[in-house]
Each structure stands twice: as C-alpha cells, then as structure tokens.
All heavy atoms as atom14 arrays in JSON, in Angstrom:
{
  "sequence": "STAVNNAFSLSKHSVDYTSLPWVVFTDPQIAGAGMDEVEAEKAGI",
  "atom14_mask": [
    [1, 1, 1, 1, 1, 1, 0, 0, 0, 0, 0, 0, 0, 0],
    [1, 1, 1, 1, 1, 1, 1, 0, 0, 0, 0, 0, 0, 0],
    [1, 1, 1, 1, 1, 0, 0, 0, 0, 0, 0, 0, 0, 0],
    [1, 1, 1, 1, 1, 1, 1, 0, 0, 0, 0, 0, 0, 0],
    [1, 1, 1, 1, 1, 1, 1, 1, 0, 0, 0, 0, 0, 0],
    [1, 1, 1, 1, 1, 1, 1, 1, 0, 0, 0, 0, 0, 0],
    [1, 1, 1, 1, 1, 0, 0, 0, 0, 0, 0, 0, 0, 0],
    [1, 1, 1, 1, 1, 1, 1, 1, 1, 1, 1, 0, 0, 0],
    [1, 1, 1, 1, 1, 1, 0, 0, 0, 0, 0, 0, 0, 0],
    [1, 1, 1, 1, 1, 1, 1, 1, 0, 0, 0, 0, 0, 0],
    [1, 1, 1, 1, 1, 1, 0, 0, 0, 0, 0, 0, 0, 0],
    [1, 1, 1, 1, 1, 1, 1, 1, 1, 0, 0, 0, 0, 0],
    [1, 1, 1, 1, 1, 1, 1, 1, 1, 1, 0, 0, 0, 0],
    [1, 1, 1, 1, 1, 1, 0, 0, 0, 0, 0, 0, 0, 0],
    [1, 1, 1, 1, 1, 1, 1, 0, 0, 0, 0, 0, 0, 0],
    [1, 1, 1, 1, 1, 1, 1, 1, 0, 0, 0, 0, 0, 0],
    [1, 1, 1, 1, 1, 1, 1, 1, 1, 1, 1, 1, 0, 0],
    [1, 1, 1, 1, 1, 1, 1, 0, 0, 0, 0, 0, 0, 0],
    [1, 1, 1, 1, 1, 1, 0, 0, 0, 0, 0, 0, 0, 0],
    [1, 1, 1, 1, 1, 1, 1, 1, 0, 0, 0, 0, 0, 0],
    [1, 1, 1, 1, 1, 1, 1, 0, 0, 0, 0, 0, 0, 0],
    [1, 1, 1, 1, 1, 1, 1, 1, 1, 1, 1, 1, 1, 1],
    [1, 1, 1, 1, 1, 1, 1, 0, 0, 0, 0, 0, 0, 0],
    [1, 1, 1, 1, 1, 1, 1, 0, 0, 0, 0, 0, 0, 0],
    [1, 1, 1, 1, 1, 1, 1, 1, 1, 1, 1, 0, 0, 0],
    [1, 1, 1, 1, 1, 1, 1, 0, 0, 0, 0, 0, 0, 0],
    [1, 1, 1, 1, 1, 1, 1, 1, 0, 0, 0, 0, 0, 0],
    [1, 1, 1, 1, 1, 1, 1, 0, 0, 0, 0, 0, 0, 0],
    [1, 1, 1, 1, 1, 1, 1, 1, 1, 0, 0, 0, 0, 0],
    [1, 1, 1, 1, 1, 1, 1, 1, 0, 0, 0, 0, 0, 0],
    [1, 1, 1, 1, 1, 0, 0, 0, 0, 0, 0, 0, 0, 0],
    [1, 1, 1, 1, 0, 0, 0, 0, 0, 0, 0, 0, 0, 0],
    [1, 1, 1, 1, 1, 0, 0, 0, 0, 0, 0, 0, 0, 0],
    [1, 1, 1, 1, 0, 0, 0, 0, 0, 0, 0, 0, 0, 0],
    [1, 1, 1, 1, 1, 1, 1, 1, 0, 0, 0, 0, 0, 0],
    [1, 1, 1, 1, 1, 1, 1, 1, 0, 0, 0, 0, 0, 0],
    [1, 1, 1, 1, 1, 1, 1, 1, 1, 0, 0, 0, 0, 0],
    [1, 1, 1, 1, 1, 1, 1, 0, 0, 0, 0, 0, 0, 0],
    [1, 1, 1, 1, 1, 1, 1, 1, 1, 0, 0, 0, 0, 0],
    [1, 1, 1, 1, 1, 0, 0, 0, 0, 0, 0, 0, 0, 0],
    [1, 1, 1, 1, 1, 1, 1, 1, 1, 0, 0, 0, 0, 0],
    [1, 1, 1, 1, 1, 1, 1, 1, 1, 0, 0, 0, 0, 0],
    [1, 1, 1, 1, 1, 0, 0, 0, 0, 0, 0, 0, 0, 0],
    [1, 1, 1, 1, 0, 0, 0, 0, 0, 0, 0, 0, 0, 0],
    [1, 1, 1, 1, 1, 1, 1, 1, 0, 0, 0, 0, 0, 0]
  ],
  "atom14_positions": [
    [[-133.38, 90.62, 223.93], [-133.08, 91.22, 222.62], [-134.1, 92.28, 222.25], [-133.76, 93.31, 221.65], [-133.02, 90.13, 221.54], [-134.27, 89.48, 221.4], [0.0, 0.0, 0.0], [0.0, 0.0, 0.0], [0.0, 0.0, 0.0], [0.0, 0.0, 0.0], [0.0, 0.0, 0.0], [0.0, 0.0, 0.0], [0.0, 0.0, 0.0], [0.0, 0.0, 0.0]],
    [[-135.37, 92.04, 222.62], [-136.41, 93.03, 222.34], [-136.14, 94.33, 223.09], [-136.32, 95.43, 222.54], [-137.79, 92.47, 222.75], [-138.08, 91.3, 221.99], [-138.89, 93.5, 222.51], [0.0, 0.0, 0.0], [0.0, 0.0, 0.0], [0.0, 0.0, 0.0], [0.0, 0.0, 0.0], [0.0, 0.0, 0.0], [0.0, 0.0, 0.0], [0.0, 0.0, 0.0]],
    [[-135.7, 94.22, 224.33], [-135.41, 95.41, 225.13], [-134.32, 96.26, 224.48], [-134.43, 97.49, 224.42], [-135.0, 95.0, 226.54], [0.0, 0.0, 0.0], [0.0, 0.0, 0.0], [0.0, 0.0, 0.0], [0.0, 0.0, 0.0], [0.0, 0.0, 0.0], [0.0, 0.0, 0.0], [0.0, 0.0, 0.0], [0.0, 0.0, 0.0], [0.0, 0.0, 0.0]],
    [[-133.27, 95.61, 223.99], [-132.18, 96.36, 223.34], [-132.68, 97.02, 222.07], [-132.4, 98.2, 221.81], [-130.98, 95.44, 223.03], [-129.92, 96.18, 222.23], [-130.37, 94.9, 224.32], [0.0, 0.0, 0.0], [0.0, 0.0, 0.0], [0.0, 0.0, 0.0], [0.0, 0.0, 0.0], [0.0, 0.0, 0.0], [0.0, 0.0, 0.0], [0.0, 0.0, 0.0]],
    [[-133.41, 96.27, 221.26], [-133.95, 96.85, 220.02], [-134.78, 98.1, 220.32], [-134.62, 99.14, 219.68], [-134.8, 95.83, 219.28], [-135.45, 96.4, 218.04], [-134.84, 96.48, 216.98], [-136.7, 96.83, 218.16], [0.0, 0.0, 0.0], [0.0, 0.0, 0.0], [0.0, 0.0, 0.0], [0.0, 0.0, 0.0], [0.0, 0.0, 0.0], [0.0, 0.0, 0.0]],
    [[-135.66, 97.99, 221.3], [-136.57, 99.08, 221.58], [-135.89, 100.25, 222.28], [-136.35, 101.39, 222.2], [-137.75, 98.58, 222.41], [-138.64, 97.63, 221.64], [-138.58, 97.58, 220.41], [-139.45, 96.87, 222.34], [0.0, 0.0, 0.0], [0.0, 0.0, 0.0], [0.0, 0.0, 0.0], [0.0, 0.0, 0.0], [0.0, 0.0, 0.0], [0.0, 0.0, 0.0]],
    [[-134.78, 99.98, 222.94], [-134.04, 101.05, 223.6], [-133.26, 101.9, 222.6], [-133.04, 103.09, 222.83], [-133.09, 100.46, 224.64], [0.0, 0.0, 0.0], [0.0, 0.0, 0.0], [0.0, 0.0, 0.0], [0.0, 0.0, 0.0], [0.0, 0.0, 0.0], [0.0, 0.0, 0.0], [0.0, 0.0, 0.0], [0.0, 0.0, 0.0], [0.0, 0.0, 0.0]],
    [[-132.85, 101.3, 221.48], [-131.96, 102.0, 220.55], [-132.52, 102.11, 219.14], [-131.81, 102.5, 218.23], [-130.6, 101.31, 220.52], [-129.84, 101.42, 221.8], [-129.93, 100.43, 222.77], [-129.03, 102.53, 222.05], [-129.23, 100.54, 223.96], [-128.33, 102.64, 223.24], [-128.43, 101.65, 224.2], [0.0, 0.0, 0.0], [0.0, 0.0, 0.0], [0.0, 0.0, 0.0]],
    [[-133.78, 101.76, 218.95], [-134.36, 101.81, 217.6], [-135.66, 102.59, 217.59], [-136.42, 102.56, 218.57], [-134.61, 100.38, 217.08], [-135.28, 100.41, 215.85], [0.0, 0.0, 0.0], [0.0, 0.0, 0.0], [0.0, 0.0, 0.0], [0.0, 0.0, 0.0], [0.0, 0.0, 0.0], [0.0, 0.0, 0.0], [0.0, 0.0, 0.0], [0.0, 0.0, 0.0]],
    [[-135.91, 103.25, 216.48], [-137.18, 103.95, 216.32], [-138.29, 102.96, 215.99], [-139.47, 103.24, 216.19], [-137.07, 104.99, 215.2], [-136.08, 106.14, 215.45], [-135.99, 107.02, 214.22], [-136.49, 106.95, 216.66], [0.0, 0.0, 0.0], [0.0, 0.0, 0.0], [0.0, 0.0, 0.0], [0.0, 0.0, 0.0], [0.0, 0.0, 0.0], [0.0, 0.0, 0.0]],
    [[-137.92, 101.78, 215.48], [-138.88, 100.73, 215.14], [-139.05, 99.82, 216.35], [-138.15, 99.06, 216.71], [-138.37, 99.92, 213.94], [-139.22, 98.83, 213.67], [0.0, 0.0, 0.0], [0.0, 0.0, 0.0], [0.0, 0.0, 0.0], [0.0, 0.0, 0.0], [0.0, 0.0, 0.0], [0.0, 0.0, 0.0], [0.0, 0.0, 0.0], [0.0, 0.0, 0.0]],
    [[-140.2, 99.9, 217.01], [-140.43, 99.16, 218.25], [-140.99, 97.77, 217.99], [-141.85, 97.59, 217.13], [-141.39, 99.94, 219.15], [-140.94, 101.36, 219.49], [-139.65, 101.38, 220.29], [-139.26, 102.8, 220.7], [-137.99, 102.85, 221.44], [0.0, 0.0, 0.0], [0.0, 0.0, 0.0], [0.0, 0.0, 0.0], [0.0, 0.0, 0.0], [0.0, 0.0, 0.0]],
    [[-140.5, 96.8, 218.76], [-140.98, 95.43, 218.67], [-141.77, 95.09, 219.92], [-141.47, 95.59, 221.01], [-139.81, 94.45, 218.53], [-139.05, 94.6, 217.25], [-137.87, 93.93, 217.01], [-139.29, 95.34, 216.15], [-137.42, 94.27, 215.8], [-138.27, 95.11, 215.27], [0.0, 0.0, 0.0], [0.0, 0.0, 0.0], [0.0, 0.0, 0.0], [0.0, 0.0, 0.0]],
    [[-142.76, 94.22, 219.79], [-143.55, 93.76, 220.93], [-143.42, 92.25, 221.07], [-143.17, 91.54, 220.1], [-145.03, 94.13, 220.74], [-145.21, 95.52, 220.71], [0.0, 0.0, 0.0], [0.0, 0.0, 0.0], [0.0, 0.0, 0.0], [0.0, 0.0, 0.0], [0.0, 0.0, 0.0], [0.0, 0.0, 0.0], [0.0, 0.0, 0.0], [0.0, 0.0, 0.0]],
    [[-143.6, 91.77, 222.29], [-143.59, 90.33, 222.56], [-145.02, 89.88, 222.82], [-145.7, 90.42, 223.69], [-142.71, 90.0, 223.78], [-142.7, 88.5, 224.02], [-141.28, 90.51, 223.57], [0.0, 0.0, 0.0], [0.0, 0.0, 0.0], [0.0, 0.0, 0.0], [0.0, 0.0, 0.0], [0.0, 0.0, 0.0], [0.0, 0.0, 0.0], [0.0, 0.0, 0.0]],
    [[-145.48, 88.91, 222.05], [-146.85, 88.42, 222.15], [-146.84, 87.0, 222.71], [-146.27, 86.09, 222.1], [-147.51, 88.44, 220.77], [-148.94, 87.94, 220.8], [-149.48, 87.73, 221.9], [-149.53, 87.74, 219.71], [0.0, 0.0, 0.0], [0.0, 0.0, 0.0], [0.0, 0.0, 0.0], [0.0, 0.0, 0.0], [0.0, 0.0, 0.0], [0.0, 0.0, 0.0]],
    [[-147.47, 86.81, 223.87], [-147.46, 85.5, 224.51], [-148.8, 84.75, 224.36], [-149.06, 83.8, 225.09], [-147.13, 85.66, 226.0], [-145.67, 85.98, 226.23], [-145.3, 87.03, 227.07], [-144.68, 85.25, 225.6], [-143.95, 87.33, 227.28], [-143.34, 85.53, 225.8], [-142.98, 86.57, 226.64], [-141.65, 86.86, 226.83], [0.0, 0.0, 0.0], [0.0, 0.0, 0.0]],
    [[-149.61, 85.15, 223.4], [-150.91, 84.52, 223.2], [-150.8, 83.02, 222.95], [-151.61, 82.23, 223.43], [-151.64, 85.17, 222.01], [-151.74, 86.58, 222.24], [-153.03, 84.59, 221.84], [0.0, 0.0, 0.0], [0.0, 0.0, 0.0], [0.0, 0.0, 0.0], [0.0, 0.0, 0.0], [0.0, 0.0, 0.0], [0.0, 0.0, 0.0], [0.0, 0.0, 0.0]],
    [[-149.78, 82.61, 222.21], [-149.64, 81.2, 221.84], [-148.44, 80.53, 222.52], [-147.98, 79.48, 222.08], [-149.5, 81.07, 220.32], [-148.33, 81.75, 219.87], [0.0, 0.0, 0.0], [0.0, 0.0, 0.0], [0.0, 0.0, 0.0], [0.0, 0.0, 0.0], [0.0, 0.0, 0.0], [0.0, 0.0, 0.0], [0.0, 0.0, 0.0], [0.0, 0.0, 0.0]],
    [[-147.95, 81.13, 223.59], [-146.73, 80.64, 224.25], [-146.83, 79.16, 224.64], [-147.74, 78.78, 225.38], [-146.45, 81.48, 225.5], [-145.25, 81.03, 226.34], [-143.95, 81.35, 225.6], [-145.28, 81.71, 227.7], [0.0, 0.0, 0.0], [0.0, 0.0, 0.0], [0.0, 0.0, 0.0], [0.0, 0.0, 0.0], [0.0, 0.0, 0.0], [0.0, 0.0, 0.0]],
    [[-145.9, 78.31, 224.2], [-145.89, 76.91, 224.63], [-145.05, 76.72, 225.89], [-144.07, 77.42, 226.12], [-145.23, 76.2, 223.44], [-144.28, 77.23, 222.88], [-144.9, 78.58, 223.14], [0.0, 0.0, 0.0], [0.0, 0.0, 0.0], [0.0, 0.0, 0.0], [0.0, 0.0, 0.0], [0.0, 0.0, 0.0], [0.0, 0.0, 0.0], [0.0, 0.0, 0.0]],
    [[-145.44, 75.77, 226.73], [-144.67, 75.46, 227.94], [-144.81, 73.96, 228.25], [-145.73, 73.3, 227.8], [-145.17, 76.29, 229.13], [-146.65, 76.23, 229.35], [-147.59, 77.12, 228.9], [-147.38, 75.21, 230.05], [-148.86, 76.71, 229.28], [-148.76, 75.56, 229.99], [-147.02, 74.05, 230.72], [-149.75, 74.76, 230.58], [-148.01, 73.26, 231.31], [-149.36, 73.62, 231.23]],
    [[-143.85, 73.45, 229.03], [-143.82, 72.02, 229.35], [-143.4, 71.84, 230.81], [-142.49, 72.52, 231.29], [-142.83, 71.25, 228.45], [-142.84, 69.76, 228.8], [-143.16, 71.45, 226.98], [0.0, 0.0, 0.0], [0.0, 0.0, 0.0], [0.0, 0.0, 0.0], [0.0, 0.0, 0.0], [0.0, 0.0, 0.0], [0.0, 0.0, 0.0], [0.0, 0.0, 0.0]],
    [[-144.05, 70.91, 231.5], [-143.61, 70.45, 232.82], [-143.07, 69.04, 232.62], [-143.77, 68.15, 232.12], [-144.77, 70.43, 233.83], [-144.27, 69.91, 235.19], [-145.36, 71.83, 233.99], [0.0, 0.0, 0.0], [0.0, 0.0, 0.0], [0.0, 0.0, 0.0], [0.0, 0.0, 0.0], [0.0, 0.0, 0.0], [0.0, 0.0, 0.0], [0.0, 0.0, 0.0]],
    [[-141.81, 68.81, 233.02], [-141.13, 67.56, 232.67], [-141.31, 66.47, 233.72], [-140.35, 65.83, 234.17], [-139.65, 67.84, 232.41], [-139.41, 68.59, 231.13], [-139.44, 69.97, 231.12], [-139.18, 67.92, 229.95], [-139.23, 70.68, 229.95], [-138.98, 68.62, 228.76], [-139.0, 70.0, 228.76], [0.0, 0.0, 0.0], [0.0, 0.0, 0.0], [0.0, 0.0, 0.0]],
    [[-142.55, 66.27, 234.12], [-142.88, 65.09, 234.91], [-143.07, 63.92, 233.95], [-142.85, 64.05, 232.75], [-144.17, 65.34, 235.7], [-145.17, 65.87, 234.81], [-143.94, 66.35, 236.84], [0.0, 0.0, 0.0], [0.0, 0.0, 0.0], [0.0, 0.0, 0.0], [0.0, 0.0, 0.0], [0.0, 0.0, 0.0], [0.0, 0.0, 0.0], [0.0, 0.0, 0.0]],
    [[-143.51, 62.78, 234.47], [-143.83, 61.65, 233.6], [-145.19, 61.1, 234.06], [-145.27, 60.54, 235.14], [-142.77, 60.57, 233.7], [-143.06, 59.37, 232.79], [-143.9, 59.52, 231.87], [-142.49, 58.29, 233.02], [0.0, 0.0, 0.0], [0.0, 0.0, 0.0], [0.0, 0.0, 0.0], [0.0, 0.0, 0.0], [0.0, 0.0, 0.0], [0.0, 0.0, 0.0]],
    [[-146.26, 61.29, 233.28], [-146.27, 61.89, 231.94], [-146.02, 63.39, 231.98], [-146.26, 64.05, 232.99], [-147.68, 61.58, 231.44], [-148.51, 61.45, 232.69], [-147.6, 60.83, 233.7], [0.0, 0.0, 0.0], [0.0, 0.0, 0.0], [0.0, 0.0, 0.0], [0.0, 0.0, 0.0], [0.0, 0.0, 0.0], [0.0, 0.0, 0.0], [0.0, 0.0, 0.0]],
    [[-145.51, 63.9, 230.86], [-145.26, 65.33, 230.73], [-146.57, 66.1, 230.61], [-147.56, 65.58, 230.09], [-144.37, 65.62, 229.52], [-142.95, 65.11, 229.66], [-142.13, 65.32, 228.41], [-142.6, 65.86, 227.41], [-140.88, 64.88, 228.45], [0.0, 0.0, 0.0], [0.0, 0.0, 0.0], [0.0, 0.0, 0.0], [0.0, 0.0, 0.0], [0.0, 0.0, 0.0]],
    [[-146.54, 67.34, 231.07], [-147.7, 68.22, 230.96], [-147.28, 69.4, 230.1], [-146.23, 70.0, 230.33], [-148.16, 68.71, 232.34], [-148.52, 67.51, 233.22], [-149.35, 69.66, 232.22], [-148.62, 67.85, 234.69], [0.0, 0.0, 0.0], [0.0, 0.0, 0.0], [0.0, 0.0, 0.0], [0.0, 0.0, 0.0], [0.0, 0.0, 0.0], [0.0, 0.0, 0.0]],
    [[-148.08, 69.73, 229.1], [-147.72, 70.81, 228.2], [-148.95, 71.61, 227.83], [-150.08, 71.1, 227.84], [-147.06, 70.25, 226.93], [0.0, 0.0, 0.0], [0.0, 0.0, 0.0], [0.0, 0.0, 0.0], [0.0, 0.0, 0.0], [0.0, 0.0, 0.0], [0.0, 0.0, 0.0], [0.0, 0.0, 0.0], [0.0, 0.0, 0.0], [0.0, 0.0, 0.0]],
    [[-148.72, 72.87, 227.51], [-149.85, 73.71, 227.14], [-149.45, 74.85, 226.23], [-148.27, 75.2, 226.1], [0.0, 0.0, 0.0], [0.0, 0.0, 0.0], [0.0, 0.0, 0.0], [0.0, 0.0, 0.0], [0.0, 0.0, 0.0], [0.0, 0.0, 0.0], [0.0, 0.0, 0.0], [0.0, 0.0, 0.0], [0.0, 0.0, 0.0], [0.0, 0.0, 0.0]],
    [[-150.45, 75.44, 225.59], [-150.28, 76.65, 224.78], [-151.64, 77.33, 224.71], [-152.68, 76.66, 224.66], [-149.79, 76.31, 223.37], [0.0, 0.0, 0.0], [0.0, 0.0, 0.0], [0.0, 0.0, 0.0], [0.0, 0.0, 0.0], [0.0, 0.0, 0.0], [0.0, 0.0, 0.0], [0.0, 0.0, 0.0], [0.0, 0.0, 0.0], [0.0, 0.0, 0.0]],
    [[-151.62, 78.65, 224.74], [-152.87, 79.38, 224.67], [-153.71, 79.18, 225.92], [-153.21, 78.86, 227.01], [0.0, 0.0, 0.0], [0.0, 0.0, 0.0], [0.0, 0.0, 0.0], [0.0, 0.0, 0.0], [0.0, 0.0, 0.0], [0.0, 0.0, 0.0], [0.0, 0.0, 0.0], [0.0, 0.0, 0.0], [0.0, 0.0, 0.0], [0.0, 0.0, 0.0]],
    [[-155.03, 79.34, 225.79], [-155.96, 79.29, 226.91], [-156.42, 77.87, 227.21], [-156.48, 77.03, 226.32], [-157.2, 80.12, 226.6], [-156.95, 81.59, 226.36], [-158.53, 82.42, 225.99], [-157.97, 84.14, 225.95], [0.0, 0.0, 0.0], [0.0, 0.0, 0.0], [0.0, 0.0, 0.0], [0.0, 0.0, 0.0], [0.0, 0.0, 0.0], [0.0, 0.0, 0.0]],
    [[-156.76, 77.62, 228.49], [-157.55, 76.43, 228.79], [-159.0, 76.86, 228.92], [-159.35, 78.04, 228.72], [-157.03, 75.7, 230.03], [-157.18, 76.52, 231.31], [-157.89, 77.55, 231.31], [-156.56, 76.13, 232.32], [0.0, 0.0, 0.0], [0.0, 0.0, 0.0], [0.0, 0.0, 0.0], [0.0, 0.0, 0.0], [0.0, 0.0, 0.0], [0.0, 0.0, 0.0]],
    [[-159.89, 75.93, 229.25], [-161.31, 76.25, 229.27], [-161.68, 77.26, 230.36], [-162.59, 78.08, 230.18], [-162.15, 74.97, 229.41], [-161.87, 74.16, 230.66], [-160.81, 73.09, 230.45], [-159.77, 73.4, 229.83], [-161.01, 71.96, 230.92], [0.0, 0.0, 0.0], [0.0, 0.0, 0.0], [0.0, 0.0, 0.0], [0.0, 0.0, 0.0], [0.0, 0.0, 0.0]],
    [[-160.96, 77.23, 231.47], [-161.23, 78.18, 232.55], [-160.88, 79.6, 232.11], [-161.65, 80.55, 232.34], [-160.43, 77.8, 233.82], [-160.62, 78.85, 234.91], [-160.83, 76.42, 234.31], [0.0, 0.0, 0.0], [0.0, 0.0, 0.0], [0.0, 0.0, 0.0], [0.0, 0.0, 0.0], [0.0, 0.0, 0.0], [0.0, 0.0, 0.0], [0.0, 0.0, 0.0]],
    [[-159.75, 79.75, 231.45], [-159.32, 81.07, 230.98], [-160.22, 81.59, 229.86], [-160.51, 82.79, 229.79], [-157.87, 80.99, 230.51], [-156.89, 80.72, 231.65], [-155.52, 80.32, 231.16], [-155.43, 79.66, 230.11], [-154.53, 80.66, 231.84], [0.0, 0.0, 0.0], [0.0, 0.0, 0.0], [0.0, 0.0, 0.0], [0.0, 0.0, 0.0], [0.0, 0.0, 0.0]],
    [[-160.66, 80.68, 228.98], [-161.55, 81.09, 227.89], [-162.88, 81.59, 228.43], [-163.43, 82.59, 227.97], [-161.77, 79.92, 226.93], [0.0, 0.0, 0.0], [0.0, 0.0, 0.0], [0.0, 0.0, 0.0], [0.0, 0.0, 0.0], [0.0, 0.0, 0.0], [0.0, 0.0, 0.0], [0.0, 0.0, 0.0], [0.0, 0.0, 0.0], [0.0, 0.0, 0.0]],
    [[-163.4, 80.88, 229.42], [-164.67, 81.31, 230.02], [-164.52, 82.66, 230.72], [-165.39, 83.53, 230.59], [-165.15, 80.26, 231.02], [-166.51, 80.58, 231.61], [-167.07, 79.43, 232.44], [-166.33, 78.45, 232.68], [-168.24, 79.51, 232.86], [0.0, 0.0, 0.0], [0.0, 0.0, 0.0], [0.0, 0.0, 0.0], [0.0, 0.0, 0.0], [0.0, 0.0, 0.0]],
    [[-163.42, 82.84, 231.42], [-163.17, 84.1, 232.11], [-163.05, 85.26, 231.12], [-163.46, 86.39, 231.4], [-161.89, 83.99, 232.95], [-161.6, 85.2, 233.81], [-160.36, 84.98, 234.66], [-160.07, 86.21, 235.52], [-158.84, 85.99, 236.36], [0.0, 0.0, 0.0], [0.0, 0.0, 0.0], [0.0, 0.0, 0.0], [0.0, 0.0, 0.0], [0.0, 0.0, 0.0]],
    [[-162.49, 84.98, 229.94], [-162.32, 86.01, 228.92], [-163.6, 86.27, 228.13], [-163.64, 87.19, 227.3], [-161.19, 85.62, 227.97], [0.0, 0.0, 0.0], [0.0, 0.0, 0.0], [0.0, 0.0, 0.0], [0.0, 0.0, 0.0], [0.0, 0.0, 0.0], [0.0, 0.0, 0.0], [0.0, 0.0, 0.0], [0.0, 0.0, 0.0], [0.0, 0.0, 0.0]],
    [[-164.63, 85.46, 228.36], [-165.89, 85.67, 227.66], [-165.87, 85.22, 226.22], [-166.67, 85.69, 225.4], [0.0, 0.0, 0.0], [0.0, 0.0, 0.0], [0.0, 0.0, 0.0], [0.0, 0.0, 0.0], [0.0, 0.0, 0.0], [0.0, 0.0, 0.0], [0.0, 0.0, 0.0], [0.0, 0.0, 0.0], [0.0, 0.0, 0.0], [0.0, 0.0, 0.0]],
    [[-164.98, 84.29, 225.88], [-164.88, 83.79, 224.51], [-165.79, 82.58, 224.34], [-165.76, 81.66, 225.16], [-163.42, 83.4, 224.19], [-162.51, 84.62, 224.28], [-163.31, 82.75, 222.81], [-161.03, 84.29, 224.15], [0.0, 0.0, 0.0], [0.0, 0.0, 0.0], [0.0, 0.0, 0.0], [0.0, 0.0, 0.0], [0.0, 0.0, 0.0], [0.0, 0.0, 0.0]]
  ]
}
C-alpha cells in the first residue's frame, strides 16, 4: 500500500521497522521487537 501511495501521491509515506514485532511459532514461542543486546552494542547505544 505504501508503494502505491508513493507512486501516485505528492505526499510520501515511509515504513519504519525500528519496533517491528516478530514471532517464531515453536514451543516455547520465540518473539522479539527492536534491538537485542548484540545489535545495541554494535550500534554504539
């Protein structure tokens, strides 16, 4: 939907994945959002 909007509109939209949630449906389930400690260290935060 973002691609269509930006292709035909003067008002451009962006997709931000900074807080993107995800899930792996094993048991127990694994889920995440944002950075883990390895990514935070790599980013210098």
